[in-house]
Amino acid sequence: FENPNVGWSKTYLMMGIVVAVVCIFVK
Protein backbone atom coordinates (compact mmCIF):
# COMPACT_ATOMS: atom_id res chain seq x y z
CA PHE A 1 0.00 0.00 0.00
CA GLU A 2 2.77 2.40 1.00
CA ASN A 3 4.88 1.67 -2.07
CA PRO A 4 4.17 4.46 -4.61
CA ASN A 5 4.97 2.08 -7.48
CA VAL A 6 2.26 -0.33 -6.36
CA GLY A 7 -0.48 1.42 -4.39
CA TRP A 8 -3.68 0.02 -2.96
CA SER A 9 -5.51 -0.66 -6.24
CA LYS A 10 -2.75 -2.80 -7.75
CA THR A 11 -2.34 -4.53 -4.41
CA TYR A 12 -5.97 -5.63 -4.42
CA LEU A 13 -5.68 -6.74 -8.04
CA MET A 14 -2.58 -8.81 -7.25
CA MET A 15 -4.27 -10.28 -4.16
CA GLY A 16 -7.18 -11.44 -6.29
CA ILE A 17 -4.90 -13.05 -8.85
CA VAL A 18 -2.72 -14.70 -6.19
CA VAL A 19 -5.68 -16.19 -4.30
CA ALA A 20 -7.18 -17.58 -7.51
CA VAL A 21 -3.81 -19.07 -8.49
CA VAL A 22 -3.37 -20.59 -5.01
CA CYS A 23 -6.74 -22.33 -5.26
CA ILE A 24 -5.79 -23.77 -8.65
CA PHE A 25 -2.41 -24.77 -7.23
CA VAL A 26 -4.05 -26.58 -4.31
CA LYS A 27 -6.46 -28.43 -6.61
PDB file of all heavy atoms in Angstrom:
ATOM      1  N   PHE A   1       0.831  -1.207   0.000  1.00  0.00           N
ATOM      2  CA  PHE A   1       0.000   0.000   0.000  1.00  0.00           C
ATOM      3  C   PHE A   1       0.868   1.262   0.000  1.00  0.00           C
ATOM      4  O   PHE A   1       0.578   2.241  -0.691  1.00  0.00           O
ATOM      5  CB  PHE A   1      -0.918   0.027   1.224  1.00  0.00           C
ATOM      6  CG  PHE A   1      -2.158  -0.819   1.082  1.00  0.00           C
ATOM      7  CD1 PHE A   1      -2.952  -1.083   2.196  1.00  0.00           C
ATOM      8  CD2 PHE A   1      -2.538  -1.349  -0.138  1.00  0.00           C
ATOM      9  CE1 PHE A   1      -4.106  -1.857   2.080  1.00  0.00           C
ATOM     10  CE2 PHE A   1      -3.677  -2.131  -0.257  1.00  0.00           C
ATOM     11  CZ  PHE A   1      -4.458  -2.380   0.856  1.00  0.00           C
ATOM     12  N   GLU A   2       1.924   1.225   0.822  1.00  0.00           N
ATOM     13  CA  GLU A   2       2.769   2.401   1.004  1.00  0.00           C
ATOM     14  C   GLU A   2       3.773   2.597  -0.128  1.00  0.00           C
ATOM     15  O   GLU A   2       4.383   3.659  -0.239  1.00  0.00           O
ATOM     16  CB  GLU A   2       3.516   2.289   2.338  1.00  0.00           C
ATOM     17  CG  GLU A   2       2.595   2.298   3.550  1.00  0.00           C
ATOM     18  CD  GLU A   2       3.318   1.990   4.836  1.00  0.00           C
ATOM     19  OE1 GLU A   2       4.557   1.763   4.776  1.00  0.00           O
ATOM     20  OE2 GLU A   2       2.673   1.961   5.904  1.00  0.00           O
ATOM     21  N   ASN A   3       3.943   1.561  -0.941  1.00  0.00           N
ATOM     22  CA  ASN A   3       4.875   1.666  -2.068  1.00  0.00           C
ATOM     23  C   ASN A   3       4.221   2.462  -3.194  1.00  0.00           C
ATOM     24  O   ASN A   3       3.214   2.039  -3.759  1.00  0.00           O
ATOM     25  CB  ASN A   3       5.245   0.271  -2.565  1.00  0.00           C
ATOM     26  CG  ASN A   3       6.352   0.294  -3.594  1.00  0.00           C
ATOM     27  OD1 ASN A   3       6.493   1.241  -4.370  1.00  0.00           O
ATOM     28  ND2 ASN A   3       7.147  -0.754  -3.628  1.00  0.00           N
ATOM     29  N   PRO A   4       4.796   3.631  -3.564  1.00  0.00           N
ATOM     30  CA  PRO A   4       4.172   4.462  -4.606  1.00  0.00           C
ATOM     31  C   PRO A   4       4.116   3.785  -5.977  1.00  0.00           C
ATOM     32  O   PRO A   4       3.304   4.165  -6.825  1.00  0.00           O
ATOM     33  CB  PRO A   4       5.074   5.704  -4.636  1.00  0.00           C
ATOM     34  CG  PRO A   4       6.384   5.252  -4.071  1.00  0.00           C
ATOM     35  CD  PRO A   4       6.029   4.221  -3.034  1.00  0.00           C
ATOM     36  N   ASN A   5       4.964   2.787  -6.196  1.00  0.00           N
ATOM     37  CA  ASN A   5       4.966   2.080  -7.479  1.00  0.00           C
ATOM     38  C   ASN A   5       3.900   0.988  -7.547  1.00  0.00           C
ATOM     39  O   ASN A   5       3.674   0.411  -8.612  1.00  0.00           O
ATOM     40  CB  ASN A   5       6.347   1.454  -7.727  1.00  0.00           C
ATOM     41  CG  ASN A   5       7.437   2.490  -7.882  1.00  0.00           C
ATOM     42  OD1 ASN A   5       7.217   3.540  -8.487  1.00  0.00           O
ATOM     43  ND2 ASN A   5       8.612   2.220  -7.317  1.00  0.00           N
ATOM     44  N   VAL A   6       3.299   0.710  -6.404  1.00  0.00           N
ATOM     45  CA  VAL A   6       2.263  -0.325  -6.359  1.00  0.00           C
ATOM     46  C   VAL A   6       0.912   0.295  -6.019  1.00  0.00           C
ATOM     47  O   VAL A   6       0.001   0.321  -6.836  1.00  0.00           O
ATOM     48  CB  VAL A   6       2.621  -1.434  -5.343  1.00  0.00           C
ATOM     49  CG1 VAL A   6       1.543  -2.520  -5.345  1.00  0.00           C
ATOM     50  CG2 VAL A   6       3.984  -2.043  -5.665  1.00  0.00           C
ATOM     51  N   GLY A   7       0.779   0.790  -4.787  1.00  0.00           N
ATOM     52  CA  GLY A   7      -0.476   1.418  -4.393  1.00  0.00           C
ATOM     53  C   GLY A   7      -1.545   0.410  -4.016  1.00  0.00           C
ATOM     54  O   GLY A   7      -1.388  -0.796  -4.218  1.00  0.00           O
ATOM     55  N   TRP A   8      -2.642   0.903  -3.484  1.00  0.00           N
ATOM     56  CA  TRP A   8      -3.678   0.021  -2.958  1.00  0.00           C
ATOM     57  C   TRP A   8      -4.437  -0.717  -4.052  1.00  0.00           C
ATOM     58  O   TRP A   8      -4.769  -1.891  -3.908  1.00  0.00           O
ATOM     59  CB  TRP A   8      -4.651   0.813  -2.091  1.00  0.00           C
ATOM     60  CG  TRP A   8      -5.608   1.673  -2.863  1.00  0.00           C
ATOM     61  CD1 TRP A   8      -5.445   2.981  -3.215  1.00  0.00           C
ATOM     62  CD2 TRP A   8      -6.887   1.271  -3.386  1.00  0.00           C
ATOM     63  NE1 TRP A   8      -6.537   3.410  -3.934  1.00  0.00           N
ATOM     64  CE2 TRP A   8      -7.432   2.397  -4.041  1.00  0.00           C
ATOM     65  CE3 TRP A   8      -7.611   0.083  -3.359  1.00  0.00           C
ATOM     66  CZ2 TRP A   8      -8.672   2.360  -4.672  1.00  0.00           C
ATOM     67  CZ3 TRP A   8      -8.854   0.044  -3.990  1.00  0.00           C
ATOM     68  CH2 TRP A   8      -9.378   1.173  -4.628  1.00  0.00           C
ATOM     69  N   SER A   9      -4.714  -0.034  -5.179  1.00  0.00           N
ATOM     70  CA  SER A   9      -5.514  -0.656  -6.238  1.00  0.00           C
ATOM     71  C   SER A   9      -4.794  -1.855  -6.849  1.00  0.00           C
ATOM     72  O   SER A   9      -5.372  -2.945  -6.991  1.00  0.00           O
ATOM     73  CB  SER A   9      -5.815   0.374  -7.330  1.00  0.00           C
ATOM     74  OG  SER A   9      -6.635  -0.201  -8.343  1.00  0.00           O
ATOM     75  N   LYS A  10      -3.523  -1.688  -7.188  1.00  0.00           N
ATOM     76  CA  LYS A  10      -2.753  -2.798  -7.753  1.00  0.00           C
ATOM     77  C   LYS A  10      -2.574  -3.914  -6.727  1.00  0.00           C
ATOM     78  O   LYS A  10      -2.516  -5.093  -7.089  1.00  0.00           O
ATOM     79  CB  LYS A  10      -1.386  -2.298  -8.234  1.00  0.00           C
ATOM     80  CG  LYS A  10      -1.447  -1.422  -9.479  1.00  0.00           C
ATOM     81  CD  LYS A  10      -0.053  -1.019  -9.919  1.00  0.00           C
ATOM     82  CE  LYS A  10      -0.112  -0.152 -11.168  1.00  0.00           C
ATOM     83  NZ  LYS A  10       1.259   0.295 -11.582  1.00  0.00           N
ATOM     84  N   THR A  11      -2.480  -3.526  -5.459  1.00  0.00           N
ATOM     85  CA  THR A  11      -2.337  -4.534  -4.411  1.00  0.00           C
ATOM     86  C   THR A  11      -3.560  -5.437  -4.364  1.00  0.00           C
ATOM     87  O   THR A  11      -3.434  -6.671  -4.291  1.00  0.00           O
ATOM     88  CB  THR A  11      -2.137  -3.870  -3.039  1.00  0.00           C
ATOM     89  OG1 THR A  11      -0.952  -3.074  -3.064  1.00  0.00           O
ATOM     90  CG2 THR A  11      -2.016  -4.924  -1.944  1.00  0.00           C
ATOM     91  N   TYR A  12      -4.748  -4.834  -4.413  1.00  0.00           N
ATOM     92  CA  TYR A  12      -5.969  -5.634  -4.417  1.00  0.00           C
ATOM     93  C   TYR A  12      -6.055  -6.512  -5.665  1.00  0.00           C
ATOM     94  O   TYR A  12      -6.479  -7.681  -5.604  1.00  0.00           O
ATOM     95  CB  TYR A  12      -7.201  -4.723  -4.338  1.00  0.00           C
ATOM     96  CG  TYR A  12      -7.705  -4.510  -2.936  1.00  0.00           C
ATOM     97  CD1 TYR A  12      -7.391  -3.349  -2.231  1.00  0.00           C
ATOM     98  CD2 TYR A  12      -8.511  -5.451  -2.308  1.00  0.00           C
ATOM     99  CE1 TYR A  12      -7.856  -3.144  -0.941  1.00  0.00           C
ATOM    100  CE2 TYR A  12      -8.989  -5.259  -1.024  1.00  0.00           C
ATOM    101  CZ  TYR A  12      -8.661  -4.097  -0.338  1.00  0.00           C
ATOM    102  OH  TYR A  12      -9.116  -3.906   0.936  1.00  0.00           O
ATOM    103  N   LEU A  13      -5.653  -5.955  -6.803  1.00  0.00           N
ATOM    104  CA  LEU A  13      -5.680  -6.735  -8.039  1.00  0.00           C
ATOM    105  C   LEU A  13      -4.750  -7.939  -7.935  1.00  0.00           C
ATOM    106  O   LEU A  13      -5.116  -9.058  -8.310  1.00  0.00           O
ATOM    107  CB  LEU A  13      -5.257  -5.848  -9.220  1.00  0.00           C
ATOM    108  CG  LEU A  13      -6.216  -4.720  -9.609  1.00  0.00           C
ATOM    109  CD1 LEU A  13      -5.606  -3.858 -10.710  1.00  0.00           C
ATOM    110  CD2 LEU A  13      -7.549  -5.283 -10.085  1.00  0.00           C
ATOM    111  N   MET A  14      -3.543  -7.709  -7.397  1.00  0.00           N
ATOM    112  CA  MET A  14      -2.584  -8.807  -7.248  1.00  0.00           C
ATOM    113  C   MET A  14      -3.065  -9.829  -6.229  1.00  0.00           C
ATOM    114  O   MET A  14      -2.870 -11.039  -6.401  1.00  0.00           O
ATOM    115  CB  MET A  14      -1.211  -8.241  -6.860  1.00  0.00           C
ATOM    116  CG  MET A  14      -0.486  -7.568  -8.011  1.00  0.00           C
ATOM    117  SD  MET A  14       1.209  -7.093  -7.609  1.00  0.00           S
ATOM    118  CE  MET A  14       0.920  -5.622  -6.632  1.00  0.00           C
ATOM    119  N   MET A  15      -3.726  -9.357  -5.157  1.00  0.00           N
ATOM    120  CA  MET A  15      -4.274 -10.277  -4.156  1.00  0.00           C
ATOM    121  C   MET A  15      -5.293 -11.209  -4.798  1.00  0.00           C
ATOM    122  O   MET A  15      -5.321 -12.417  -4.538  1.00  0.00           O
ATOM    123  CB  MET A  15      -4.933  -9.497  -3.016  1.00  0.00           C
ATOM    124  CG  MET A  15      -3.969  -8.884  -2.028  1.00  0.00           C
ATOM    125  SD  MET A  15      -4.834  -7.763  -0.887  1.00  0.00           S
ATOM    126  CE  MET A  15      -6.158  -8.809  -0.290  1.00  0.00           C
ATOM    127  N   GLY A  16      -6.166 -10.633  -5.632  1.00  0.00           N
ATOM    128  CA  GLY A  16      -7.184 -11.443  -6.288  1.00  0.00           C
ATOM    129  C   GLY A  16      -6.577 -12.499  -7.193  1.00  0.00           C
ATOM    130  O   GLY A  16      -6.998 -13.663  -7.180  1.00  0.00           O
ATOM    131  N   ILE A  17      -5.564 -12.106  -7.949  1.00  0.00           N
ATOM    132  CA  ILE A  17      -4.904 -13.045  -8.851  1.00  0.00           C
ATOM    133  C   ILE A  17      -4.189 -14.136  -8.056  1.00  0.00           C
ATOM    134  O   ILE A  17      -4.273 -15.328  -8.393  1.00  0.00           O
ATOM    135  CB  ILE A  17      -3.914 -12.299  -9.768  1.00  0.00           C
ATOM    136  CG1 ILE A  17      -4.672 -11.355 -10.701  1.00  0.00           C
ATOM    137  CG2 ILE A  17      -3.072 -13.289 -10.565  1.00  0.00           C
ATOM    138  CD1 ILE A  17      -3.785 -10.435 -11.509  1.00  0.00           C
ATOM    139  N   VAL A  18      -3.475 -13.739  -6.994  1.00  0.00           N
ATOM    140  CA  VAL A  18      -2.719 -14.703  -6.192  1.00  0.00           C
ATOM    141  C   VAL A  18      -3.637 -15.725  -5.545  1.00  0.00           C
ATOM    142  O   VAL A  18      -3.363 -16.930  -5.563  1.00  0.00           O
ATOM    143  CB  VAL A  18      -1.886 -13.974  -5.110  1.00  0.00           C
ATOM    144  CG1 VAL A  18      -1.336 -14.969  -4.086  1.00  0.00           C
ATOM    145  CG2 VAL A  18      -0.738 -13.217  -5.754  1.00  0.00           C
ATOM    146  N   VAL A  19      -4.757 -15.266  -4.969  1.00  0.00           N
ATOM    147  CA  VAL A  19      -5.680 -16.188  -4.300  1.00  0.00           C
ATOM    148  C   VAL A  19      -6.260 -17.186  -5.303  1.00  0.00           C
ATOM    149  O   VAL A  19      -6.361 -18.386  -5.021  1.00  0.00           O
ATOM    150  CB  VAL A  19      -6.815 -15.412  -3.596  1.00  0.00           C
ATOM    151  CG1 VAL A  19      -7.898 -16.370  -3.117  1.00  0.00           C
ATOM    152  CG2 VAL A  19      -6.269 -14.625  -2.409  1.00  0.00           C
ATOM    153  N   ALA A  20      -6.636 -16.692  -6.487  1.00  0.00           N
ATOM    154  CA  ALA A  20      -7.176 -17.580  -7.513  1.00  0.00           C
ATOM    155  C   ALA A  20      -6.126 -18.614  -7.935  1.00  0.00           C
ATOM    156  O   ALA A  20      -6.434 -19.804  -8.082  1.00  0.00           O
ATOM    157  CB  ALA A  20      -7.633 -16.770  -8.720  1.00  0.00           C
ATOM    158  N   VAL A  21      -4.890 -18.168  -8.100  1.00  0.00           N
ATOM    159  CA  VAL A  21      -3.805 -19.073  -8.492  1.00  0.00           C
ATOM    160  C   VAL A  21      -3.541 -20.108  -7.396  1.00  0.00           C
ATOM    161  O   VAL A  21      -3.291 -21.289  -7.681  1.00  0.00           O
ATOM    162  CB  VAL A  21      -2.515 -18.283  -8.801  1.00  0.00           C
ATOM    163  CG1 VAL A  21      -1.320 -19.218  -8.946  1.00  0.00           C
ATOM    164  CG2 VAL A  21      -2.694 -17.462 -10.067  1.00  0.00           C
ATOM    165  N   VAL A  22      -3.597 -19.670  -6.137  1.00  0.00           N
ATOM    166  CA  VAL A  22      -3.368 -20.588  -5.015  1.00  0.00           C
ATOM    167  C   VAL A  22      -4.424 -21.689  -5.004  1.00  0.00           C
ATOM    168  O   VAL A  22      -4.106 -22.864  -4.781  1.00  0.00           O
ATOM    169  CB  VAL A  22      -3.369 -19.830  -3.672  1.00  0.00           C
ATOM    170  CG1 VAL A  22      -3.480 -20.800  -2.498  1.00  0.00           C
ATOM    171  CG2 VAL A  22      -2.105 -19.000  -3.531  1.00  0.00           C
ATOM    172  N   CYS A  23      -5.678 -21.326  -5.241  1.00  0.00           N
ATOM    173  CA  CYS A  23      -6.745 -22.332  -5.260  1.00  0.00           C
ATOM    174  C   CYS A  23      -6.531 -23.344  -6.389  1.00  0.00           C
ATOM    175  O   CYS A  23      -6.749 -24.543  -6.211  1.00  0.00           O
ATOM    176  CB  CYS A  23      -8.106 -21.652  -5.408  1.00  0.00           C
ATOM    177  SG  CYS A  23      -8.658 -20.796  -3.917  1.00  0.00           S
ATOM    178  N   ILE A  24      -6.092 -22.856  -7.549  1.00  0.00           N
ATOM    179  CA  ILE A  24      -5.791 -23.766  -8.655  1.00  0.00           C
ATOM    180  C   ILE A  24      -4.601 -24.644  -8.289  1.00  0.00           C
ATOM    181  O   ILE A  24      -4.592 -25.851  -8.549  1.00  0.00           O
ATOM    182  CB  ILE A  24      -5.491 -22.966  -9.941  1.00  0.00           C
ATOM    183  CG1 ILE A  24      -6.745 -22.197 -10.387  1.00  0.00           C
ATOM    184  CG2 ILE A  24      -5.010 -23.897 -11.047  1.00  0.00           C
ATOM    185  CD1 ILE A  24      -6.512 -21.254 -11.545  1.00  0.00           C
ATOM    186  N   PHE A  25      -3.600 -24.036  -7.649  1.00  0.00           N
ATOM    187  CA  PHE A  25      -2.408 -24.772  -7.227  1.00  0.00           C
ATOM    188  C   PHE A  25      -2.776 -25.887  -6.253  1.00  0.00           C
ATOM    189  O   PHE A  25      -2.282 -27.009  -6.365  1.00  0.00           O
ATOM    190  CB  PHE A  25      -1.429 -23.807  -6.562  1.00  0.00           C
ATOM    191  CG  PHE A  25      -0.257 -24.474  -5.881  1.00  0.00           C
ATOM    192  CD1 PHE A  25       0.857 -24.861  -6.606  1.00  0.00           C
ATOM    193  CD2 PHE A  25      -0.276 -24.717  -4.514  1.00  0.00           C
ATOM    194  CE1 PHE A  25       1.936 -25.484  -5.983  1.00  0.00           C
ATOM    195  CE2 PHE A  25       0.789 -25.333  -3.878  1.00  0.00           C
ATOM    196  CZ  PHE A  25       1.896 -25.717  -4.620  1.00  0.00           C
ATOM    197  N   VAL A  26      -3.639 -25.576  -5.301  1.00  0.00           N
ATOM    198  CA  VAL A  26      -4.047 -26.578  -4.312  1.00  0.00           C
ATOM    199  C   VAL A  26      -4.802 -27.718  -4.979  1.00  0.00           C
ATOM    200  O   VAL A  26      -4.580 -28.895  -4.679  1.00  0.00           O
ATOM    201  CB  VAL A  26      -4.910 -25.921  -3.208  1.00  0.00           C
ATOM    202  CG1 VAL A  26      -5.519 -26.994  -2.310  1.00  0.00           C
ATOM    203  CG2 VAL A  26      -4.071 -24.965  -2.378  1.00  0.00           C
ATOM    204  N   LYS A  27      -5.708 -27.384  -5.906  1.00  0.00           N
ATOM    205  CA  LYS A  27      -6.458 -28.433  -6.609  1.00  0.00           C
ATOM    206  C   LYS A  27      -5.508 -29.346  -7.379  1.00  0.00           C
ATOM    207  O   LYS A  27      -5.607 -30.573  -7.313  1.00  0.00           O
ATOM    208  CB  LYS A  27      -7.469 -27.818  -7.576  1.00  0.00           C
ATOM    209  CG  LYS A  27      -8.225 -28.868  -8.380  1.00  0.00           C
ATOM    210  CD  LYS A  27      -9.084 -28.242  -9.444  1.00  0.00           C
ATOM    211  CE  LYS A  27      -9.847 -29.314 -10.222  1.00  0.00           C
ATOM    212  NZ  LYS A  27      -8.950 -30.249 -10.935  1.00  0.00           N
TER     213      LYS A  27
END
